[in-house]
């Protein structure tokens, strides 16, 4: 990963997620309910689309809605910023054609 991408991720954490994290801590609000016993897996409904069937915009809209429905409005408000970051970090077509993924290379 290039240092520019790493810098963008670090800036996103510092400027967007860290303040939300601190706000959640101040409100004593937890993302995960550790008191629940068993699996946290939720079966989706029959009519719901698989992730790969969703458009780029639909993925972020569903994420925003899930945060909002769960009472995490602070996180929901960050979804547009996360979407923007994802667009900025998305590999360009020409970058992926000739480059070998370092993880795949290491496997051989």
N, C-alpha and C. Protein backbone atom coordinates (compact mmCIF):
# COMPACT_ATOMS: atom_id res chain seq x y z
N UNK A 1 0.85 -1.17 0.00
CA UNK A 1 0.00 0.00 0.00
C UNK A 1 0.90 1.23 0.00
N UNK A 2 0.58 2.18 -0.83
CA UNK A 2 1.40 3.39 -0.92
C UNK A 2 1.24 4.24 0.33
N UNK A 3 2.26 5.06 0.57
CA UNK A 3 2.20 5.90 1.77
C UNK A 3 1.07 6.92 1.68
N UNK A 4 0.72 7.34 0.46
CA UNK A 4 -0.40 8.26 0.30
C UNK A 4 -1.70 7.62 0.77
N UNK A 5 -1.90 6.36 0.41
CA UNK A 5 -3.10 5.65 0.86
C UNK A 5 -3.08 5.48 2.37
N UNK A 6 -1.93 5.13 2.91
CA UNK A 6 -1.82 4.96 4.36
C UNK A 6 -2.09 6.28 5.07
N UNK A 7 -1.62 7.37 4.49
CA UNK A 7 -1.87 8.69 5.08
C UNK A 7 -3.35 9.03 5.06
N UNK A 8 -4.03 8.69 3.96
CA UNK A 8 -5.47 8.95 3.87
C UNK A 8 -6.23 8.14 4.92
N UNK A 9 -5.84 6.88 5.10
CA UNK A 9 -6.50 6.03 6.10
C UNK A 9 -6.24 6.57 7.50
N UNK A 10 -5.00 6.96 7.77
CA UNK A 10 -4.66 7.52 9.09
C UNK A 10 -5.44 8.81 9.34
N UNK A 11 -5.54 9.64 8.32
CA UNK A 11 -6.29 10.90 8.47
C UNK A 11 -7.77 10.62 8.70
N UNK A 12 -8.32 9.63 8.00
CA UNK A 12 -9.73 9.28 8.19
C UNK A 12 -9.96 8.82 9.62
N UNK A 13 -9.06 8.00 10.13
CA UNK A 13 -9.20 7.55 11.51
C UNK A 13 -9.13 8.74 12.47
N UNK A 14 -8.11 9.56 12.29
CA UNK A 14 -7.90 10.69 13.21
C UNK A 14 -9.04 11.70 13.15
N UNK A 15 -9.47 12.05 11.95
CA UNK A 15 -10.44 13.12 11.79
C UNK A 15 -11.90 12.67 11.85
N UNK A 16 -12.16 11.40 11.57
CA UNK A 16 -13.55 10.94 11.49
C UNK A 16 -13.90 9.88 12.53
N UNK A 17 -13.16 8.79 12.52
CA UNK A 17 -13.54 7.68 13.40
C UNK A 17 -13.14 7.88 14.86
N UNK A 18 -11.99 8.46 15.10
CA UNK A 18 -11.57 8.66 16.48
C UNK A 18 -12.54 9.56 17.26
N UNK A 19 -12.98 10.68 16.70
CA UNK A 19 -13.97 11.48 17.42
C UNK A 19 -15.29 10.73 17.68
N UNK A 20 -15.72 9.93 16.71
CA UNK A 20 -16.94 9.14 16.91
C UNK A 20 -16.72 8.11 18.00
N UNK A 21 -15.56 7.46 17.98
CA UNK A 21 -15.23 6.48 19.01
C UNK A 21 -15.25 7.11 20.40
N UNK A 22 -14.65 8.28 20.52
CA UNK A 22 -14.64 8.98 21.80
C UNK A 22 -16.05 9.38 22.24
N UNK A 23 -16.86 9.81 21.29
CA UNK A 23 -18.25 10.18 21.62
C UNK A 23 -19.03 8.97 22.11
N UNK A 24 -18.82 7.82 21.46
CA UNK A 24 -19.50 6.60 21.89
C UNK A 24 -19.05 6.18 23.29
N UNK A 25 -17.76 6.32 23.57
CA UNK A 25 -17.25 6.00 24.91
C UNK A 25 -17.86 6.94 25.94
N UNK A 26 -17.94 8.23 25.60
CA UNK A 26 -18.51 9.21 26.53
C UNK A 26 -19.98 8.89 26.83
N UNK A 27 -20.69 8.40 25.83
CA UNK A 27 -22.10 8.03 26.01
C UNK A 27 -22.26 6.64 26.61
N UNK A 28 -21.11 5.96 26.81
CA UNK A 28 -21.09 4.58 27.31
C UNK A 28 -21.90 3.65 26.41
N UNK A 29 -21.79 3.90 25.12
CA UNK A 29 -22.49 3.11 24.11
C UNK A 29 -21.51 2.13 23.51
N UNK A 30 -21.92 0.87 23.40
CA UNK A 30 -21.03 -0.16 22.89
C UNK A 30 -21.52 -0.66 21.53
N UNK A 31 -20.55 -0.88 20.64
CA UNK A 31 -20.88 -1.40 19.32
C UNK A 31 -21.29 -2.87 19.38
N UNK A 32 -20.63 -3.61 20.25
CA UNK A 32 -20.91 -5.05 20.36
C UNK A 32 -21.48 -5.35 21.73
N UNK A 33 -22.50 -6.17 21.74
CA UNK A 33 -23.11 -6.61 22.99
C UNK A 33 -22.40 -7.88 23.43
N UNK A 34 -21.42 -7.73 24.31
CA UNK A 34 -20.62 -8.88 24.76
C UNK A 34 -21.38 -9.76 25.75
N UNK A 35 -22.53 -9.28 26.21
CA UNK A 35 -23.31 -10.07 27.15
C UNK A 35 -24.09 -11.18 26.44
N UNK A 36 -24.26 -11.03 25.12
CA UNK A 36 -24.97 -12.06 24.36
C UNK A 36 -24.13 -13.32 24.30
N UNK A 37 -24.81 -14.43 24.45
CA UNK A 37 -24.13 -15.71 24.37
C UNK A 37 -24.43 -16.32 23.01
N UNK A 38 -23.45 -16.97 22.44
CA UNK A 38 -23.66 -17.64 21.17
C UNK A 38 -23.18 -16.81 20.00
N UNK A 39 -23.62 -17.20 18.84
CA UNK A 39 -23.16 -16.59 17.61
C UNK A 39 -23.78 -15.21 17.42
N UNK A 40 -23.00 -14.33 16.82
CA UNK A 40 -23.53 -13.01 16.46
C UNK A 40 -23.99 -12.99 15.00
N UNK A 41 -23.95 -14.15 14.37
CA UNK A 41 -24.35 -14.28 12.98
C UNK A 41 -25.85 -14.08 12.85
N UNK A 42 -26.25 -13.29 11.87
CA UNK A 42 -27.67 -13.05 11.62
C UNK A 42 -27.99 -13.56 10.23
N UNK A 43 -29.00 -14.41 10.13
CA UNK A 43 -29.41 -14.90 8.82
C UNK A 43 -30.19 -13.81 8.10
N UNK A 44 -29.81 -13.57 6.85
CA UNK A 44 -30.51 -12.55 6.08
C UNK A 44 -31.81 -13.12 5.54
N UNK A 45 -32.69 -12.22 5.18
CA UNK A 45 -33.98 -12.66 4.65
C UNK A 45 -33.79 -13.18 3.23
N UNK A 46 -34.74 -13.94 2.76
CA UNK A 46 -34.67 -14.55 1.44
C UNK A 46 -34.58 -13.51 0.33
N UNK A 47 -35.27 -12.38 0.50
CA UNK A 47 -35.29 -11.39 -0.57
C UNK A 47 -34.11 -10.43 -0.55
N UNK A 48 -33.26 -10.51 0.48
CA UNK A 48 -32.12 -9.59 0.53
C UNK A 48 -31.06 -10.01 -0.48
N UNK A 49 -30.41 -9.01 -1.04
CA UNK A 49 -29.38 -9.24 -2.04
C UNK A 49 -28.06 -9.61 -1.38
N UNK A 50 -27.28 -10.41 -2.05
CA UNK A 50 -25.93 -10.70 -1.59
C UNK A 50 -25.09 -9.45 -1.80
N UNK A 51 -24.04 -9.32 -1.02
CA UNK A 51 -23.19 -8.14 -1.10
C UNK A 51 -22.69 -7.89 -2.52
N UNK A 52 -22.29 -8.94 -3.20
CA UNK A 52 -21.75 -8.76 -4.56
C UNK A 52 -22.82 -8.34 -5.57
N UNK A 53 -24.09 -8.44 -5.21
CA UNK A 53 -25.17 -8.02 -6.09
C UNK A 53 -25.54 -6.55 -5.91
N UNK A 54 -25.00 -5.93 -4.89
CA UNK A 54 -25.31 -4.54 -4.59
C UNK A 54 -24.36 -3.61 -5.34
N UNK A 55 -24.88 -2.46 -5.72
CA UNK A 55 -24.01 -1.45 -6.33
C UNK A 55 -23.16 -0.82 -5.24
N UNK A 56 -22.15 -0.11 -5.65
CA UNK A 56 -21.26 0.61 -4.73
C UNK A 56 -22.09 1.52 -3.82
N UNK A 57 -23.01 2.28 -4.40
CA UNK A 57 -23.84 3.20 -3.62
C UNK A 57 -24.77 2.46 -2.66
N UNK A 58 -25.32 1.32 -3.09
CA UNK A 58 -26.24 0.56 -2.24
C UNK A 58 -25.54 -0.01 -1.01
N UNK A 59 -24.29 -0.42 -1.16
CA UNK A 59 -23.54 -0.95 -0.02
C UNK A 59 -23.45 0.11 1.07
N UNK A 60 -23.09 1.32 0.69
CA UNK A 60 -22.94 2.38 1.67
C UNK A 60 -24.27 2.85 2.23
N UNK A 61 -25.31 2.82 1.42
CA UNK A 61 -26.64 3.19 1.91
C UNK A 61 -27.13 2.16 2.94
N UNK A 62 -26.90 0.88 2.67
CA UNK A 62 -27.30 -0.16 3.63
C UNK A 62 -26.50 -0.06 4.93
N UNK A 63 -25.21 0.25 4.80
CA UNK A 63 -24.39 0.43 5.99
C UNK A 63 -24.89 1.61 6.82
N UNK A 64 -25.17 2.74 6.15
CA UNK A 64 -25.68 3.92 6.85
C UNK A 64 -27.00 3.60 7.56
N UNK A 65 -27.88 2.91 6.86
CA UNK A 65 -29.19 2.55 7.43
C UNK A 65 -29.03 1.61 8.63
N UNK A 66 -28.12 0.65 8.52
CA UNK A 66 -27.89 -0.29 9.62
C UNK A 66 -27.39 0.45 10.85
N UNK A 67 -26.43 1.36 10.66
CA UNK A 67 -25.94 2.15 11.80
C UNK A 67 -27.08 2.98 12.39
N UNK A 68 -27.85 3.62 11.54
CA UNK A 68 -28.95 4.46 12.01
C UNK A 68 -30.00 3.64 12.75
N UNK A 69 -30.38 2.51 12.18
CA UNK A 69 -31.39 1.65 12.81
C UNK A 69 -30.91 1.09 14.15
N UNK A 70 -29.59 0.97 14.30
CA UNK A 70 -29.02 0.45 15.55
C UNK A 70 -28.75 1.55 16.57
N UNK A 71 -29.10 2.80 16.20
CA UNK A 71 -28.93 3.90 17.14
C UNK A 71 -27.53 4.51 17.13
N UNK A 72 -26.76 4.22 16.10
CA UNK A 72 -25.42 4.77 15.99
C UNK A 72 -25.40 5.89 14.95
N UNK A 73 -26.11 6.97 15.25
CA UNK A 73 -26.22 8.09 14.32
C UNK A 73 -24.86 8.72 14.03
N UNK A 74 -23.97 8.74 15.04
CA UNK A 74 -22.63 9.30 14.82
C UNK A 74 -21.89 8.52 13.74
N UNK A 75 -22.00 7.20 13.79
CA UNK A 75 -21.36 6.38 12.75
C UNK A 75 -22.07 6.54 11.42
N UNK A 76 -23.38 6.58 11.45
CA UNK A 76 -24.15 6.75 10.21
C UNK A 76 -23.74 8.02 9.49
N UNK A 77 -23.45 9.07 10.25
CA UNK A 77 -23.07 10.34 9.64
C UNK A 77 -21.70 10.27 8.97
N UNK A 78 -20.90 9.26 9.31
CA UNK A 78 -19.56 9.12 8.72
C UNK A 78 -19.56 8.28 7.45
N UNK A 79 -20.66 7.64 7.13
CA UNK A 79 -20.71 6.78 5.94
C UNK A 79 -20.38 7.53 4.65
N UNK A 80 -20.89 8.76 4.44
CA UNK A 80 -20.48 9.48 3.22
C UNK A 80 -18.96 9.70 3.15
N UNK A 81 -18.34 9.97 4.29
CA UNK A 81 -16.88 10.15 4.32
C UNK A 81 -16.16 8.83 4.04
N UNK A 82 -16.70 7.74 4.56
CA UNK A 82 -16.13 6.42 4.30
C UNK A 82 -16.25 6.07 2.82
N UNK A 83 -17.38 6.41 2.25
CA UNK A 83 -17.61 6.15 0.82
C UNK A 83 -16.61 6.95 -0.03
N UNK A 84 -16.40 8.20 0.34
CA UNK A 84 -15.44 9.03 -0.37
C UNK A 84 -14.03 8.43 -0.27
N UNK A 85 -13.66 7.97 0.93
CA UNK A 85 -12.35 7.35 1.12
C UNK A 85 -12.23 6.09 0.27
N UNK A 86 -13.26 5.28 0.24
CA UNK A 86 -13.24 4.06 -0.57
C UNK A 86 -13.05 4.38 -2.05
N UNK A 87 -13.70 5.44 -2.51
CA UNK A 87 -13.54 5.85 -3.91
C UNK A 87 -12.12 6.31 -4.18
N UNK A 88 -11.53 7.02 -3.22
CA UNK A 88 -10.16 7.50 -3.39
C UNK A 88 -9.15 6.35 -3.37
N UNK A 89 -9.43 5.31 -2.59
CA UNK A 89 -8.48 4.20 -2.44
C UNK A 89 -8.69 3.09 -3.47
N UNK A 90 -9.79 3.17 -4.20
CA UNK A 90 -10.09 2.13 -5.19
C UNK A 90 -8.97 2.06 -6.22
N UNK A 91 -8.46 0.86 -6.49
CA UNK A 91 -7.40 0.74 -7.49
C UNK A 91 -7.90 1.17 -8.86
N UNK A 92 -7.04 1.83 -9.58
CA UNK A 92 -7.35 2.22 -10.95
C UNK A 92 -7.20 1.00 -11.84
N UNK A 93 -7.97 0.92 -12.89
CA UNK A 93 -7.93 -0.23 -13.80
C UNK A 93 -6.53 -0.52 -14.28
N UNK A 94 -5.80 0.52 -14.69
CA UNK A 94 -4.46 0.29 -15.21
C UNK A 94 -3.50 -0.18 -14.13
N UNK A 95 -3.78 0.15 -12.87
CA UNK A 95 -2.92 -0.30 -11.77
C UNK A 95 -3.04 -1.79 -11.53
N UNK A 96 -4.20 -2.35 -11.76
CA UNK A 96 -4.44 -3.74 -11.42
C UNK A 96 -4.10 -4.70 -12.55
N UNK A 97 -3.99 -4.20 -13.79
CA UNK A 97 -3.75 -5.09 -14.92
C UNK A 97 -2.36 -5.71 -14.91
N UNK A 98 -1.36 -4.93 -14.61
CA UNK A 98 0.01 -5.40 -14.74
C UNK A 98 0.69 -5.70 -13.41
N UNK A 99 0.02 -5.45 -12.34
CA UNK A 99 0.63 -5.61 -11.03
C UNK A 99 0.22 -6.93 -10.40
N UNK A 100 1.19 -7.63 -9.83
CA UNK A 100 0.90 -8.87 -9.12
C UNK A 100 0.61 -8.51 -7.67
N UNK A 101 -0.48 -9.01 -7.17
CA UNK A 101 -0.84 -8.78 -5.78
C UNK A 101 0.25 -9.38 -4.90
N UNK A 102 0.82 -8.61 -3.96
CA UNK A 102 1.92 -9.13 -3.14
C UNK A 102 1.52 -10.35 -2.32
N UNK A 103 0.25 -10.44 -1.94
CA UNK A 103 -0.18 -11.59 -1.16
C UNK A 103 -0.22 -12.86 -2.01
N UNK A 104 -0.64 -12.72 -3.23
CA UNK A 104 -0.66 -13.86 -4.15
C UNK A 104 0.78 -14.26 -4.46
N UNK A 105 1.63 -13.29 -4.69
CA UNK A 105 3.04 -13.56 -4.99
C UNK A 105 3.68 -14.34 -3.86
N UNK A 106 3.41 -13.97 -2.62
CA UNK A 106 4.01 -14.64 -1.47
C UNK A 106 3.52 -16.08 -1.33
N UNK A 107 2.33 -16.37 -1.83
CA UNK A 107 1.78 -17.71 -1.68
C UNK A 107 2.53 -18.72 -2.55
N UNK A 108 3.15 -18.25 -3.62
CA UNK A 108 3.82 -19.19 -4.54
C UNK A 108 5.20 -19.45 -4.12
